[in-house]
PDB file of N, CA and C in Angstrom:
ATOM      1  N   UNK A   1       0.848  -1.330   0.474  1.00  0.00           N
ATOM      2  CA  UNK A   1      -0.112  -0.295  -0.597  1.00  0.00           C
ATOM      3  C   UNK A   1       0.759   1.696   0.053  1.00  0.00           C
ATOM      4  N   UNK A   2       0.866   1.846  -0.745  1.00  0.00           N
ATOM      5  CA  UNK A   2       1.911   3.336  -0.766  1.00  0.00           C
ATOM      6  C   UNK A   2       1.505   4.658   0.123  1.00  0.00           C
ATOM      7  N   UNK A   3       1.988   4.991   0.608  1.00  0.00           N
ATOM      8  CA  UNK A   3       2.577   6.152   1.622  1.00  0.00           C
ATOM      9  C   UNK A   3       1.969   7.439   1.507  1.00  0.00           C
ATOM     10  N   UNK A   4       0.979   8.202   1.807  1.00  0.00           N
ATOM     11  CA  UNK A   4       0.339   9.273   0.889  1.00  0.00           C
ATOM     12  C   UNK A   4       1.738  10.706   2.214  1.00  0.00           C
ATOM     13  N   UNK A   5       1.845  11.458   1.289  1.00  0.00           N
ATOM     14  CA  UNK A   5       2.411  11.948   1.557  1.00  0.00           C
ATOM     15  C   UNK A   5       2.564  13.509   1.444  1.00  0.00           C
ATOM     16  N   UNK A   6       1.073  14.236   1.013  1.00  0.00           N
ATOM     17  CA  UNK A   6       1.601  15.712   1.811  1.00  0.00           C
ATOM     18  C   UNK A   6       0.801  15.929   2.482  1.00  0.00           C
ATOM     19  N   UNK A   7       0.555  17.158   3.148  1.00  0.00           N
ATOM     20  CA  UNK A   7       0.206  17.240   4.859  1.00  0.00           C
ATOM     21  C   UNK A   7      -1.575  17.649   4.473  1.00  0.00           C
ATOM     22  N   UNK A   8      -2.492  17.213   5.463  1.00  0.00           N
ATOM     23  CA  UNK A   8      -3.701  17.500   5.531  1.00  0.00           C
ATOM     24  C   UNK A   8      -4.382  17.245   4.216  1.00  0.00           C
ATOM     25  N   UNK A   9      -3.876  16.723   2.641  1.00  0.00           N
ATOM     26  CA  UNK A   9      -3.950  16.372   1.900  1.00  0.00           C
ATOM     27  C   UNK A   9      -5.717  14.795   1.952  1.00  0.00           C
ATOM     28  N   UNK A  10      -6.687  14.608   1.975  1.00  0.00           N
ATOM     29  CA  UNK A  10      -7.857  13.634   1.662  1.00  0.00           C
ATOM     30  C   UNK A  10      -7.760  12.562   0.340  1.00  0.00           C
ATOM     31  N   UNK A  11      -7.229  13.603  -0.456  1.00  0.00           N
ATOM     32  CA  UNK A  11      -7.114  12.902  -2.420  1.00  0.00           C
ATOM     33  C   UNK A  11      -6.840  11.114  -2.023  1.00  0.00           C
ATOM     34  N   UNK A  12      -7.236  10.398  -2.648  1.00  0.00           N
ATOM     35  CA  UNK A  12      -6.624   8.498  -3.018  1.00  0.00           C
ATOM     36  C   UNK A  12      -7.342   7.864  -4.355  1.00  0.00           C
ATOM     37  N   UNK A  13      -6.448   7.025  -4.483  1.00  0.00           N
ATOM     38  CA  UNK A  13      -6.851   6.492  -5.905  1.00  0.00           C
ATOM     39  C   UNK A  13      -8.137   5.978  -5.802  1.00  0.00           C
ATOM     40  N   UNK A  14      -8.918   5.281  -4.360  1.00  0.00           N
ATOM     41  CA  UNK A  14     -10.050   4.928  -4.238  1.00  0.00           C
ATOM     42  C   UNK A  14     -11.486   6.580  -4.652  1.00  0.00           C
ATOM     43  N   UNK A  15     -10.796   7.773  -4.202  1.00  0.00           N
ATOM     44  CA  UNK A  15     -11.450   8.633  -4.652  1.00  0.00           C
ATOM     45  C   UNK A  15     -11.949   9.418  -6.202  1.00  0.00           C
ATOM     46  N   UNK A  16     -10.698   7.954  -7.319  1.00  0.00           N
ATOM     47  CA  UNK A  16      -9.778   8.047  -8.280  1.00  0.00           C
ATOM     48  C   UNK A  16      -9.448   9.671  -9.060  1.00  0.00           C
ATOM     49  N   UNK A  17      -8.558   9.292  -7.803  1.00  0.00           N
ATOM     50  CA  UNK A  17      -7.124  10.655  -8.232  1.00  0.00           C
ATOM     51  C   UNK A  17      -6.221  10.066  -8.638  1.00  0.00           C
ATOM     52  N   UNK A  18      -5.298  10.298 -10.116  1.00  0.00           N
ATOM     53  CA  UNK A  18      -4.337   9.330 -10.066  1.00  0.00           C
ATOM     54  C   UNK A  18      -3.628  10.054  -8.760  1.00  0.00           C
ATOM     55  N   UNK A  19      -2.581   8.522  -8.494  1.00  0.00           N
ATOM     56  CA  UNK A  19      -1.268   8.742  -7.658  1.00  0.00           C
ATOM     57  C   UNK A  19       0.022   8.359  -7.993  1.00  0.00           C
ATOM     58  N   UNK A  20       0.837   9.499  -8.100  1.00  0.00           N
ATOM     59  CA  UNK A  20       2.157   9.398  -8.802  1.00  0.00           C
ATOM     60  C   UNK A  20       3.516   8.888  -6.887  1.00  0.00           C
ATOM     61  N   UNK A  21       3.591   7.795  -8.249  1.00  0.00           N
ATOM     62  CA  UNK A  21       4.963   6.922  -6.647  1.00  0.00           C
ATOM     63  C   UNK A  21       6.106   8.530  -7.131  1.00  0.00           C
ATOM     64  N   UNK A  22       6.493   8.657  -6.006  1.00  0.00           N
ATOM     65  CA  UNK A  22       8.222   8.854  -6.039  1.00  0.00           C
ATOM     66  C   UNK A  22       9.032   9.335  -7.628  1.00  0.00           C
ATOM     67  N   UNK A  23       9.727   9.781  -8.347  1.00  0.00           N
ATOM     68  CA  UNK A  23      11.075   8.925  -9.650  1.00  0.00           C
ATOM     69  C   UNK A  23      11.752   8.256  -8.499  1.00  0.00           C
ATOM     70  N   UNK A  24      12.843   8.179  -8.452  1.00  0.00           N
ATOM     71  CA  UNK A  24      14.104   7.211  -9.069  1.00  0.00           C
ATOM     72  C   UNK A  24      14.496   7.847  -8.521  1.00  0.00           C
ATOM     73  N   UNK A  25      14.968   8.589 -10.165  1.00  0.00           N
ATOM     74  CA  UNK A  25      16.171   9.952 -10.298  1.00  0.00           C
ATOM     75  C   UNK A  25      16.652  10.863  -8.910  1.00  0.00           C
ATOM     76  N   UNK A  26      17.291   9.996  -7.590  1.00  0.00           N
ATOM     77  CA  UNK A  26      17.545  10.978  -7.200  1.00  0.00           C
ATOM     78  C   UNK A  26      17.163  12.663  -7.109  1.00  0.00           C
ATOM     79  N   UNK A  27      17.712  13.463  -8.228  1.00  0.00           N
ATOM     80  CA  UNK A  27      17.961  15.221  -8.341  1.00  0.00           C
ATOM     81  C   UNK A  27      15.611  14.735  -8.565  1.00  0.00           C
ATOM     82  N   UNK A  28      15.242  14.115  -9.352  1.00  0.00           N
ATOM     83  CA  UNK A  28      14.214  14.579  -9.158  1.00  0.00           C
ATOM     84  C   UNK A  28      13.568  13.892  -8.194  1.00  0.00           C
ATOM     85  N   UNK A  29      13.069  13.363  -7.566  1.00  0.00           N
ATOM     86  CA  UNK A  29      12.986  13.259  -6.079  1.00  0.00           C
ATOM     87  C   UNK A  29      12.896  13.896  -5.293  1.00  0.00           C
ATOM     88  N   UNK A  30      14.272  15.217  -4.909  1.00  0.00           N
ATOM     89  CA  UNK A  30      14.760  16.093  -4.187  1.00  0.00           C
ATOM     90  C   UNK A  30      13.878  17.228  -4.739  1.00  0.00           C
ATOM     91  N   UNK A  31      13.447  17.849  -5.923  1.00  0.00           N
ATOM     92  CA  UNK A  31      12.296  18.691  -6.532  1.00  0.00           C
ATOM     93  C   UNK A  31      11.379  18.266  -5.807  1.00  0.00           C
ATOM     94  N   UNK A  32      10.794  16.699  -5.643  1.00  0.00           N
ATOM     95  CA  UNK A  32       9.791  16.218  -5.413  1.00  0.00           C
ATOM     96  C   UNK A  32       9.652  16.733  -4.072  1.00  0.00           C
ATOM     97  N   UNK A  33       9.979  16.800  -3.316  1.00  0.00           N
ATOM     98  CA  UNK A  33      10.253  16.410  -1.597  1.00  0.00           C
ATOM     99  C   UNK A  33      10.266  17.900  -1.633  1.00  0.00           C
ATOM    100  N   UNK A  34      10.632  18.425  -1.993  1.00  0.00           N
ATOM    101  CA  UNK A  34      11.376  20.527  -1.719  1.00  0.00           C
ATOM    102  C   UNK A  34      10.376  20.958  -1.622  1.00  0.00           C
ATOM    103  N   UNK A  35       9.467  20.354  -2.991  1.00  0.00           N
ATOM    104  CA  UNK A  35       7.555  21.297  -3.547  1.00  0.00           C
ATOM    105  C   UNK A  35       6.596  20.747  -2.743  1.00  0.00           C
ATOM    106  N   UNK A  36       6.651  19.645  -2.148  1.00  0.00           N
ATOM    107  CA  UNK A  36       5.587  19.282  -1.215  1.00  0.00           C
ATOM    108  C   UNK A  36       5.711  19.919  -0.018  1.00  0.00           C
ATOM    109  N   UNK A  37       6.798  20.655   0.907  1.00  0.00           N
ATOM    110  CA  UNK A  37       7.054  21.564   1.719  1.00  0.00           C
ATOM    111  C   UNK A  37       6.373  21.146   3.090  1.00  0.00           C
ATOM    112  N   UNK A  38       7.102  19.264   3.580  1.00  0.00           N
ATOM    113  CA  UNK A  38       7.007  18.801   4.524  1.00  0.00           C
ATOM    114  C   UNK A  38       8.853  19.129   5.076  1.00  0.00           C
ATOM    115  N   UNK A  39       8.048  19.348   6.376  1.00  0.00           N
ATOM    116  CA  UNK A  39       9.591  19.278   7.129  1.00  0.00           C
ATOM    117  C   UNK A  39      10.835  17.715   7.417  1.00  0.00           C
ATOM    118  N   UNK A  40      11.436  17.787   7.847  1.00  0.00           N
ATOM    119  CA  UNK A  40      11.816  17.219   7.780  1.00  0.00           C
ATOM    120  C   UNK A  40      12.004  14.869   7.540  1.00  0.00           C
ATOM    121  N   UNK A  41      11.632  15.284   6.239  1.00  0.00           N
ATOM    122  CA  UNK A  41      10.456  13.418   6.206  1.00  0.00           C
ATOM    123  C   UNK A  41      11.484  13.227   5.198  1.00  0.00           C
ATOM    124  N   UNK A  42      11.320  11.715   4.745  1.00  0.00           N
ATOM    125  CA  UNK A  42      12.364  11.128   3.672  1.00  0.00           C
ATOM    126  C   UNK A  42      11.175  10.549   3.245  1.00  0.00           C
ATOM    127  N   UNK A  43      11.644  10.339   0.977  1.00  0.00           N
ATOM    128  CA  UNK A  43      10.505   9.746   0.844  1.00  0.00           C
ATOM    129  C   UNK A  43      11.021   8.692   0.807  1.00  0.00           C
ATOM    130  N   UNK A  44      10.075   7.330   0.388  1.00  0.00           N
ATOM    131  CA  UNK A  44      11.022   6.173   0.286  1.00  0.00           C
ATOM    132  C   UNK A  44      10.215   5.345  -1.238  1.00  0.00           C
ATOM    133  N   UNK A  45       9.799   4.264  -1.760  1.00  0.00           N
ATOM    134  CA  UNK A  45      10.150   4.127  -3.197  1.00  0.00           C
ATOM    135  C   UNK A  45       8.087   3.790  -3.719  1.00  0.00           C
ATOM    136  N   UNK A  46       7.412   3.271  -1.848  1.00  0.00           N
ATOM    137  CA  UNK A  46       6.521   3.781  -1.842  1.00  0.00           C
ATOM    138  C   UNK A  46       5.210   4.734  -1.496  1.00  0.00           C
ATOM    139  N   UNK A  47       5.978   6.215  -1.708  1.00  0.00           N
ATOM    140  CA  UNK A  47       5.766   7.640  -1.060  1.00  0.00           C
ATOM    141  C   UNK A  47       5.164   8.181  -2.394  1.00  0.00           C
ATOM    142  N   UNK A  48       3.383   8.332  -2.368  1.00  0.00           N
ATOM    143  CA  UNK A  48       2.680   8.900  -3.738  1.00  0.00           C
ATOM    144  C   UNK A  48       2.617  10.348  -3.713  1.00  0.00           C
ATOM    145  N   UNK A  49       2.011  10.857  -4.430  1.00  0.00           N
ATOM    146  CA  UNK A  49       1.847  12.585  -4.425  1.00  0.00           C
ATOM    147  C   UNK A  49       0.833  12.738  -5.558  1.00  0.00           C
ATOM    148  N   UNK A  50      -0.849  13.311  -4.831  1.00  0.00           N
ATOM    149  CA  UNK A  50      -1.673  12.942  -6.055  1.00  0.00           C
ATOM    150  C   UNK A  50      -1.524  13.708  -7.253  1.00  0.00           C
ATOM    151  N   UNK A  51      -1.779  13.937  -8.461  1.00  0.00           N
ATOM    152  CA  UNK A  51      -2.005  14.667  -9.259  1.00  0.00           C
ATOM    153  C   UNK A  51      -2.643  15.895  -8.953  1.00  0.00           C
ATOM    154  N   UNK A  52      -3.235  16.319  -7.728  1.00  0.00           N
ATOM    155  CA  UNK A  52      -3.462  17.681  -8.027  1.00  0.00           C
ATOM    156  C   UNK A  52      -2.922  18.256  -7.189  1.00  0.00           C
TER     157      UNK A  52
END
């Protein structure tokens, strides 16, 4: 089961939102982490973010 990482987000695949896994490319992964504005958080291979 994927782990959702954006604080206060209530979207999910069961609500028909497209869920994307974080990129495996380290540079792109860092960009995604910076953009979600979550302090002291480390993504995993199962971390997801919704299309919104």
